[in-house]
């Protein structure tokens, strides 16, 4: 309770600054970065799922191609 009263007194005397709100372009950049991170994570999960399915079918593609969605894996496996 005492903290609330202290903060209220500081606010009444104009001793508190408002919170920082970033500019719109910075917020949009954060949104884009967050979305890209989600997409990269989704791609990784999909690749891992593909690899698990292939290994379940006794197809050991990683032993032949270092990147199962890369150029050496062939056009059918690329995302």
PDB file of N, CA and C in Angstrom:
ATOM      1  N   UNK A   1       0.830  -1.195   0.000  1.00  0.00           N
ATOM      2  CA  UNK A   1       0.000   0.000   0.000  1.00  0.00           C
ATOM      3  C   UNK A   1       0.872   1.255   0.000  1.00  0.00           C
ATOM      4  N   UNK A   2       1.955   1.200   0.750  1.00  0.00           N
ATOM      5  CA  UNK A   2       2.813   2.385   0.832  1.00  0.00           C
ATOM      6  C   UNK A   2       3.469   2.675  -0.525  1.00  0.00           C
ATOM      7  N   UNK A   3       3.806   1.598  -1.274  1.00  0.00           N
ATOM      8  CA  UNK A   3       4.404   1.793  -2.594  1.00  0.00           C
ATOM      9  C   UNK A   3       3.432   2.500  -3.519  1.00  0.00           C
ATOM     10  N   UNK A   4       2.175   2.111  -3.470  1.00  0.00           N
ATOM     11  CA  UNK A   4       1.157   2.734  -4.319  1.00  0.00           C
ATOM     12  C   UNK A   4       0.999   4.215  -3.989  1.00  0.00           C
ATOM     13  N   UNK A   5       1.022   4.528  -2.696  1.00  0.00           N
ATOM     14  CA  UNK A   5       0.890   5.931  -2.288  1.00  0.00           C
ATOM     15  C   UNK A   5       2.099   6.736  -2.754  1.00  0.00           C
ATOM     16  N   UNK A   6       3.271   6.147  -2.636  1.00  0.00           N
ATOM     17  CA  UNK A   6       4.506   6.818  -3.067  1.00  0.00           C
ATOM     18  C   UNK A   6       4.470   7.081  -4.573  1.00  0.00           C
ATOM     19  N   UNK A   7       4.066   6.097  -5.340  1.00  0.00           N
ATOM     20  CA  UNK A   7       3.987   6.260  -6.798  1.00  0.00           C
ATOM     21  C   UNK A   7       2.936   7.309  -7.152  1.00  0.00           C
ATOM     22  N   UNK A   8       1.817   7.316  -6.457  1.00  0.00           N
ATOM     23  CA  UNK A   8       0.763   8.303  -6.706  1.00  0.00           C
ATOM     24  C   UNK A   8       1.266   9.709  -6.426  1.00  0.00           C
ATOM     25  N   UNK A   9       2.044   9.884  -5.354  1.00  0.00           N
ATOM     26  CA  UNK A   9       2.598  11.205  -5.043  1.00  0.00           C
ATOM     27  C   UNK A   9       3.590  11.646  -6.115  1.00  0.00           C
ATOM     28  N   UNK A  10       4.438  10.720  -6.557  1.00  0.00           N
ATOM     29  CA  UNK A  10       5.391  11.058  -7.624  1.00  0.00           C
ATOM     30  C   UNK A  10       4.662  11.485  -8.891  1.00  0.00           C
ATOM     31  N   UNK A  11       3.597  10.781  -9.225  1.00  0.00           N
ATOM     32  CA  UNK A  11       2.811  11.102 -10.414  1.00  0.00           C
ATOM     33  C   UNK A  11       2.146  12.469 -10.275  1.00  0.00           C
ATOM     34  N   UNK A  12       1.622  12.779  -9.093  1.00  0.00           N
ATOM     35  CA  UNK A  12       0.964  14.070  -8.862  1.00  0.00           C
ATOM     36  C   UNK A  12       1.937  15.223  -9.028  1.00  0.00           C
ATOM     37  N   UNK A  13       3.172  15.030  -8.660  1.00  0.00           N
ATOM     38  CA  UNK A  13       4.181  16.099  -8.742  1.00  0.00           C
ATOM     39  C   UNK A  13       4.908  16.107 -10.086  1.00  0.00           C
ATOM     40  N   UNK A  14       4.509  15.232 -10.993  1.00  0.00           N
ATOM     41  CA  UNK A  14       5.108  15.210 -12.327  1.00  0.00           C
ATOM     42  C   UNK A  14       6.517  14.649 -12.372  1.00  0.00           C
ATOM     43  N   UNK A  15       6.844  13.785 -11.441  1.00  0.00           N
ATOM     44  CA  UNK A  15       8.195  13.243 -11.375  1.00  0.00           C
ATOM     45  C   UNK A  15       8.341  11.897 -12.090  1.00  0.00           C
ATOM     46  N   UNK A  16       7.274  11.389 -12.678  1.00  0.00           N
ATOM     47  CA  UNK A  16       7.343  10.128 -13.410  1.00  0.00           C
ATOM     48  C   UNK A  16       7.253  10.402 -14.906  1.00  0.00           C
ATOM     49  N   UNK A  17       8.092   9.694 -15.666  1.00  0.00           N
ATOM     50  CA  UNK A  17       8.023   9.801 -17.125  1.00  0.00           C
ATOM     51  C   UNK A  17       7.075   8.728 -17.648  1.00  0.00           C
ATOM     52  N   UNK A  18       6.468   8.988 -18.789  1.00  0.00           N
ATOM     53  CA  UNK A  18       5.606   7.996 -19.434  1.00  0.00           C
ATOM     54  C   UNK A  18       6.420   6.826 -19.949  1.00  0.00           C
ATOM     55  N   UNK A  19       5.759   5.722 -20.157  1.00  0.00           N
ATOM     56  CA  UNK A  19       6.465   4.544 -20.652  1.00  0.00           C
ATOM     57  C   UNK A  19       6.837   4.731 -22.122  1.00  0.00           C
ATOM     58  N   UNK A  20       7.864   4.020 -22.545  1.00  0.00           N
ATOM     59  CA  UNK A  20       8.365   4.118 -23.917  1.00  0.00           C
ATOM     60  C   UNK A  20       7.467   3.329 -24.861  1.00  0.00           C
ATOM     61  N   UNK A  21       7.008   3.992 -25.902  1.00  0.00           N
ATOM     62  CA  UNK A  21       6.251   3.330 -26.963  1.00  0.00           C
ATOM     63  C   UNK A  21       7.060   3.523 -28.241  1.00  0.00           C
ATOM     64  N   UNK A  22       7.568   2.430 -28.818  1.00  0.00           N
ATOM     65  CA  UNK A  22       8.414   2.569 -30.012  1.00  0.00           C
ATOM     66  C   UNK A  22       7.620   3.101 -31.199  1.00  0.00           C
ATOM     67  N   UNK A  23       8.313   3.708 -32.159  1.00  0.00           N
ATOM     68  CA  UNK A  23       7.638   4.202 -33.362  1.00  0.00           C
ATOM     69  C   UNK A  23       7.010   3.061 -34.158  1.00  0.00           C
ATOM     70  N   UNK A  24       6.054   3.416 -34.999  1.00  0.00           N
ATOM     71  CA  UNK A  24       5.299   2.420 -35.757  1.00  0.00           C
ATOM     72  C   UNK A  24       6.205   1.539 -36.614  1.00  0.00           C
ATOM     73  N   UNK A  25       7.192   2.133 -37.300  1.00  0.00           N
ATOM     74  CA  UNK A  25       8.071   1.342 -38.171  1.00  0.00           C
ATOM     75  C   UNK A  25       8.875   0.319 -37.363  1.00  0.00           C
ATOM     76  N   UNK A  26       9.227   0.670 -36.140  1.00  0.00           N
ATOM     77  CA  UNK A  26       9.964  -0.275 -35.300  1.00  0.00           C
ATOM     78  C   UNK A  26       9.049  -1.418 -34.852  1.00  0.00           C
ATOM     79  N   UNK A  27       7.791  -1.121 -34.556  1.00  0.00           N
ATOM     80  CA  UNK A  27       6.834  -2.163 -34.203  1.00  0.00           C
ATOM     81  C   UNK A  27       6.601  -3.121 -35.375  1.00  0.00           C
ATOM     82  N   UNK A  28       6.499  -2.558 -36.589  1.00  0.00           N
ATOM     83  CA  UNK A  28       6.298  -3.384 -37.776  1.00  0.00           C
ATOM     84  C   UNK A  28       7.518  -4.283 -38.020  1.00  0.00           C
ATOM     85  N   UNK A  29       8.706  -3.754 -37.796  1.00  0.00           N
ATOM     86  CA  UNK A  29       9.927  -4.553 -37.958  1.00  0.00           C
ATOM     87  C   UNK A  29       9.957  -5.695 -36.949  1.00  0.00           C
ATOM     88  N   UNK A  30       9.540  -5.418 -35.716  1.00  0.00           N
ATOM     89  CA  UNK A  30       9.484  -6.476 -34.691  1.00  0.00           C
ATOM     90  C   UNK A  30       8.488  -7.558 -35.097  1.00  0.00           C
ATOM     91  N   UNK A  31       7.335  -7.141 -35.642  1.00  0.00           N
ATOM     92  CA  UNK A  31       6.333  -8.108 -36.090  1.00  0.00           C
ATOM     93  C   UNK A  31       6.880  -8.993 -37.208  1.00  0.00           C
ATOM     94  N   UNK A  32       7.567  -8.365 -38.182  1.00  0.00           N
ATOM     95  CA  UNK A  32       8.145  -9.129 -39.287  1.00  0.00           C
ATOM     96  C   UNK A  32       9.214 -10.110 -38.786  1.00  0.00           C
ATOM     97  N   UNK A  33      10.043  -9.652 -37.870  1.00  0.00           N
ATOM     98  CA  UNK A  33      11.089 -10.513 -37.320  1.00  0.00           C
ATOM     99  C   UNK A  33      10.478 -11.698 -36.568  1.00  0.00           C
ATOM    100  N   UNK A  34       9.440 -11.425 -35.790  1.00  0.00           N
ATOM    101  CA  UNK A  34       8.758 -12.490 -35.049  1.00  0.00           C
ATOM    102  C   UNK A  34       8.127 -13.498 -36.010  1.00  0.00           C
ATOM    103  N   UNK A  35       7.517 -12.989 -37.084  1.00  0.00           N
ATOM    104  CA  UNK A  35       6.882 -13.873 -38.070  1.00  0.00           C
ATOM    105  C   UNK A  35       7.928 -14.730 -38.783  1.00  0.00           C
ATOM    106  N   UNK A  36       9.068 -14.125 -39.144  1.00  0.00           N
ATOM    107  CA  UNK A  36      10.134 -14.886 -39.812  1.00  0.00           C
ATOM    108  C   UNK A  36      10.660 -15.985 -38.903  1.00  0.00           C
ATOM    109  N   UNK A  37      10.831 -15.671 -37.628  1.00  0.00           N
ATOM    110  CA  UNK A  37      11.298 -16.672 -36.671  1.00  0.00           C
ATOM    111  C   UNK A  37      10.326 -17.838 -36.593  1.00  0.00           C
ATOM    112  N   UNK A  38       9.028 -17.544 -36.598  1.00  0.00           N
ATOM    113  CA  UNK A  38       8.021 -18.601 -36.565  1.00  0.00           C
ATOM    114  C   UNK A  38       8.078 -19.451 -37.831  1.00  0.00           C
ATOM    115  N   UNK A  39       8.268 -18.809 -38.988  1.00  0.00           N
ATOM    116  CA  UNK A  39       8.344 -19.551 -40.247  1.00  0.00           C
ATOM    117  C   UNK A  39       9.573 -20.460 -40.294  1.00  0.00           C
ATOM    118  N   UNK A  40      10.709 -19.965 -39.821  1.00  0.00           N
ATOM    119  CA  UNK A  40      11.927 -20.774 -39.801  1.00  0.00           C
ATOM    120  C   UNK A  40      11.739 -21.980 -38.889  1.00  0.00           C
ATOM    121  N   UNK A  41      11.118 -21.757 -37.735  1.00  0.00           N
ATOM    122  CA  UNK A  41      10.850 -22.871 -36.827  1.00  0.00           C
ATOM    123  C   UNK A  41       9.904 -23.891 -37.434  1.00  0.00           C
ATOM    124  N   UNK A  42       8.893 -23.405 -38.159  1.00  0.00           N
ATOM    125  CA  UNK A  42       7.942 -24.307 -38.821  1.00  0.00           C
ATOM    126  C   UNK A  42       8.633 -25.125 -39.904  1.00  0.00           C
ATOM    127  N   UNK A  43       9.539 -24.490 -40.649  1.00  0.00           N
ATOM    128  CA  UNK A  43      10.285 -25.206 -41.689  1.00  0.00           C
ATOM    129  C   UNK A  43      11.152 -26.302 -41.064  1.00  0.00           C
ATOM    130  N   UNK A  44      11.814 -25.967 -39.965  1.00  0.00           N
ATOM    131  CA  UNK A  44      12.658 -26.949 -39.285  1.00  0.00           C
ATOM    132  C   UNK A  44      11.838 -28.133 -38.803  1.00  0.00           C
ATOM    133  N   UNK A  45      10.675 -27.861 -38.210  1.00  0.00           N
ATOM    134  CA  UNK A  45       9.813 -28.955 -37.741  1.00  0.00           C
ATOM    135  C   UNK A  45       9.346 -29.828 -38.904  1.00  0.00           C
ATOM    136  N   UNK A  46       9.039 -29.205 -40.044  1.00  0.00           N
ATOM    137  CA  UNK A  46       8.595 -29.957 -41.213  1.00  0.00           C
ATOM    138  C   UNK A  46       9.715 -30.844 -41.746  1.00  0.00           C
ATOM    139  N   UNK A  47      10.933 -30.308 -41.824  1.00  0.00           N
ATOM    140  CA  UNK A  47      12.071 -31.092 -42.298  1.00  0.00           C
ATOM    141  C   UNK A  47      12.321 -32.271 -41.365  1.00  0.00           C
ATOM    142  N   UNK A  48      12.266 -32.039 -40.064  1.00  0.00           N
ATOM    143  CA  UNK A  48      12.474 -33.129 -39.106  1.00  0.00           C
ATOM    144  C   UNK A  48      11.389 -34.196 -39.241  1.00  0.00           C
ATOM    145  N   UNK A  49      10.155 -33.759 -39.474  1.00  0.00           N
ATOM    146  CA  UNK A  49       9.059 -34.713 -39.671  1.00  0.00           C
ATOM    147  C   UNK A  49       9.273 -35.536 -40.934  1.00  0.00           C
ATOM    148  N   UNK A  50       9.721 -34.866 -42.031  1.00  0.00           N
ATOM    149  CA  UNK A  50      10.004 -35.582 -43.281  1.00  0.00           C
ATOM    150  C   UNK A  50      11.098 -36.616 -43.072  1.00  0.00           C
ATOM    151  N   UNK A  51      12.155 -36.212 -42.368  1.00  0.00           N
ATOM    152  CA  UNK A  51      13.268 -37.125 -42.124  1.00  0.00           C
ATOM    153  C   UNK A  51      12.808 -38.322 -41.291  1.00  0.00           C
ATOM    154  N   UNK A  52      11.976 -38.091 -40.302  1.00  0.00           N
ATOM    155  CA  UNK A  52      11.481 -39.186 -39.469  1.00  0.00           C
ATOM    156  C   UNK A  52      10.613 -40.143 -40.283  1.00  0.00           C
ATOM    157  N   UNK A  53       9.778 -39.603 -41.166  1.00  0.00           N
ATOM    158  CA  UNK A  53       8.935 -40.453 -42.012  1.00  0.00           C
ATOM    159  C   UNK A  53       9.791 -41.278 -42.967  1.00  0.00           C
ATOM    160  N   UNK A  54      10.797 -40.644 -43.575  1.00  0.00           N
ATOM    161  CA  UNK A  54      11.687 -41.364 -44.490  1.00  0.00           C
ATOM    162  C   UNK A  54      12.451 -42.470 -43.756  1.00  0.00           C
ATOM    163  N   UNK A  55      12.931 -42.172 -42.554  1.00  0.00           N
ATOM    164  CA  UNK A  55      13.652 -43.190 -41.797  1.00  0.00           C
ATOM    165  C   UNK A  55      12.718 -44.321 -41.374  1.00  0.00           C
ATOM    166  N   UNK A  56      11.453 -43.997 -41.115  1.00  0.00           N
ATOM    167  CA  UNK A  56      10.472 -45.024 -40.790  1.00  0.00           C
ATOM    168  C   UNK A  56      10.215 -45.960 -41.955  1.00  0.00           C
ATOM    169  N   UNK A  57      10.425 -45.454 -43.179  1.00  0.00           N
ATOM    170  CA  UNK A  57      10.260 -46.262 -44.377  1.00  0.00           C
ATOM    171  C   UNK A  57      11.590 -46.883 -44.813  1.00  0.00           C
ATOM    172  N   UNK A  58      12.590 -46.855 -43.934  1.00  0.00           N
ATOM    173  CA  UNK A  58      13.933 -47.380 -44.203  1.00  0.00           C
ATOM    174  C   UNK A  58      14.628 -46.679 -45.361  1.00  0.00           C
ATOM    175  N   UNK A  59      14.370 -45.402 -45.522  1.00  0.00           N
ATOM    176  CA  UNK A  59      15.081 -44.589 -46.516  1.00  0.00           C
ATOM    177  C   UNK A  59      16.017 -43.681 -45.735  1.00  0.00           C
ATOM    178  N   UNK A  60      17.300 -43.941 -45.827  1.00  0.00           N
ATOM    179  CA  UNK A  60      18.298 -43.190 -45.065  1.00  0.00           C
ATOM    180  C   UNK A  60      18.876 -42.077 -45.930  1.00  0.00           C
ATOM    181  N   UNK A  61      18.061 -41.100 -46.275  1.00  0.00           N
ATOM    182  CA  UNK A  61      18.492 -40.000 -47.130  1.00  0.00           C
ATOM    183  C   UNK A  61      19.634 -39.186 -46.516  1.00  0.00           C
ATOM    184  N   UNK A  62      19.657 -38.930 -45.208  1.00  0.00           N
ATOM    185  CA  UNK A  62      20.771 -38.158 -44.647  1.00  0.00           C
ATOM    186  C   UNK A  62      22.139 -38.811 -44.825  1.00  0.00           C
ATOM    187  N   UNK A  63      22.189 -40.122 -45.008  1.00  0.00           N
ATOM    188  CA  UNK A  63      23.490 -40.764 -45.223  1.00  0.00           C
ATOM    189  C   UNK A  63      24.009 -40.492 -46.637  1.00  0.00           C
ATOM    190  N   UNK A  64      23.116 -40.109 -47.561  1.00  0.00           N
ATOM    191  CA  UNK A  64      23.506 -39.806 -48.946  1.00  0.00           C
ATOM    192  C   UNK A  64      23.646 -38.307 -49.156  1.00  0.00           C
ATOM    193  N   UNK A  65      22.691 -37.547 -48.637  1.00  0.00           N
ATOM    194  CA  UNK A  65      22.681 -36.095 -48.805  1.00  0.00           C
ATOM    195  C   UNK A  65      22.823 -35.446 -47.437  1.00  0.00           C
ATOM    196  N   UNK A  66      23.727 -34.481 -47.354  1.00  0.00           N
ATOM    197  CA  UNK A  66      23.944 -33.833 -46.068  1.00  0.00           C
ATOM    198  C   UNK A  66      22.756 -32.972 -45.659  1.00  0.00           C
ATOM    199  N   UNK A  67      22.048 -32.421 -46.640  1.00  0.00           N
ATOM    200  CA  UNK A  67      20.870 -31.590 -46.366  1.00  0.00           C
ATOM    201  C   UNK A  67      19.704 -32.201 -47.118  1.00  0.00           C
ATOM    202  N   UNK A  68      18.717 -32.735 -46.407  1.00  0.00           N
ATOM    203  CA  UNK A  68      17.655 -33.477 -47.095  1.00  0.00           C
ATOM    204  C   UNK A  68      16.729 -32.585 -47.913  1.00  0.00           C
ATOM    205  N   UNK A  69      16.813 -31.273 -47.752  1.00  0.00           N
ATOM    206  CA  UNK A  69      16.001 -30.397 -48.591  1.00  0.00           C
ATOM    207  C   UNK A  69      16.864 -29.556 -49.519  1.00  0.00           C
ATOM    208  N   UNK A  70      18.150 -29.849 -49.568  1.00  0.00           N
ATOM    209  CA  UNK A  70      19.070 -29.092 -50.413  1.00  0.00           C
ATOM    210  C   UNK A  70      19.057 -29.560 -51.854  1.00  0.00           C
ATOM    211  N   UNK A  71      19.983 -29.039 -52.645  1.00  0.00           N
ATOM    212  CA  UNK A  71      20.076 -29.324 -54.075  1.00  0.00           C
ATOM    213  C   UNK A  71      20.367 -30.806 -54.312  1.00  0.00           C
ATOM    214  N   UNK A  72      21.219 -31.407 -53.487  1.00  0.00           N
ATOM    215  CA  UNK A  72      21.598 -32.799 -53.718  1.00  0.00           C
ATOM    216  C   UNK A  72      20.482 -33.769 -53.385  1.00  0.00           C
ATOM    217  N   UNK A  73      19.455 -33.322 -52.649  1.00  0.00           N
ATOM    218  CA  UNK A  73      18.364 -34.212 -52.259  1.00  0.00           C
ATOM    219  C   UNK A  73      17.380 -34.446 -53.403  1.00  0.00           C
ATOM    220  N   UNK A  74      17.360 -33.558 -54.363  1.00  0.00           N
ATOM    221  CA  UNK A  74      16.444 -33.703 -55.486  1.00  0.00           C
ATOM    222  C   UNK A  74      15.239 -32.787 -55.354  1.00  0.00           C
ATOM    223  N   UNK A  75      14.562 -32.548 -56.479  1.00  0.00           N
ATOM    224  CA  UNK A  75      13.452 -31.571 -56.492  1.00  0.00           C
ATOM    225  C   UNK A  75      12.239 -32.033 -55.694  1.00  0.00           C
ATOM    226  N   UNK A  76      12.055 -33.306 -55.479  1.00  0.00           N
ATOM    227  CA  UNK A  76      10.847 -33.776 -54.790  1.00  0.00           C
ATOM    228  C   UNK A  76      10.903 -33.498 -53.284  1.00  0.00           C
ATOM    229  N   UNK A  77      12.089 -33.270 -52.746  1.00  0.00           N
ATOM    230  CA  UNK A  77      12.211 -33.104 -51.289  1.00  0.00           C
ATOM    231  C   UNK A  77      12.371 -31.664 -50.871  1.00  0.00           C
ATOM    232  N   UNK A  78      12.532 -30.744 -51.813  1.00  0.00           N
ATOM    233  CA  UNK A  78      12.745 -29.340 -51.443  1.00  0.00           C
ATOM    234  C   UNK A  78      11.441 -28.674 -51.073  1.00  0.00           C
ATOM    235  N   UNK A  79      11.499 -27.807 -50.055  1.00  0.00           N
ATOM    236  CA  UNK A  79      10.322 -27.042 -49.630  1.00  0.00           C
ATOM    237  C   UNK A  79      10.301 -25.701 -50.294  1.00  0.00           C
TER     238      UNK A  79
END
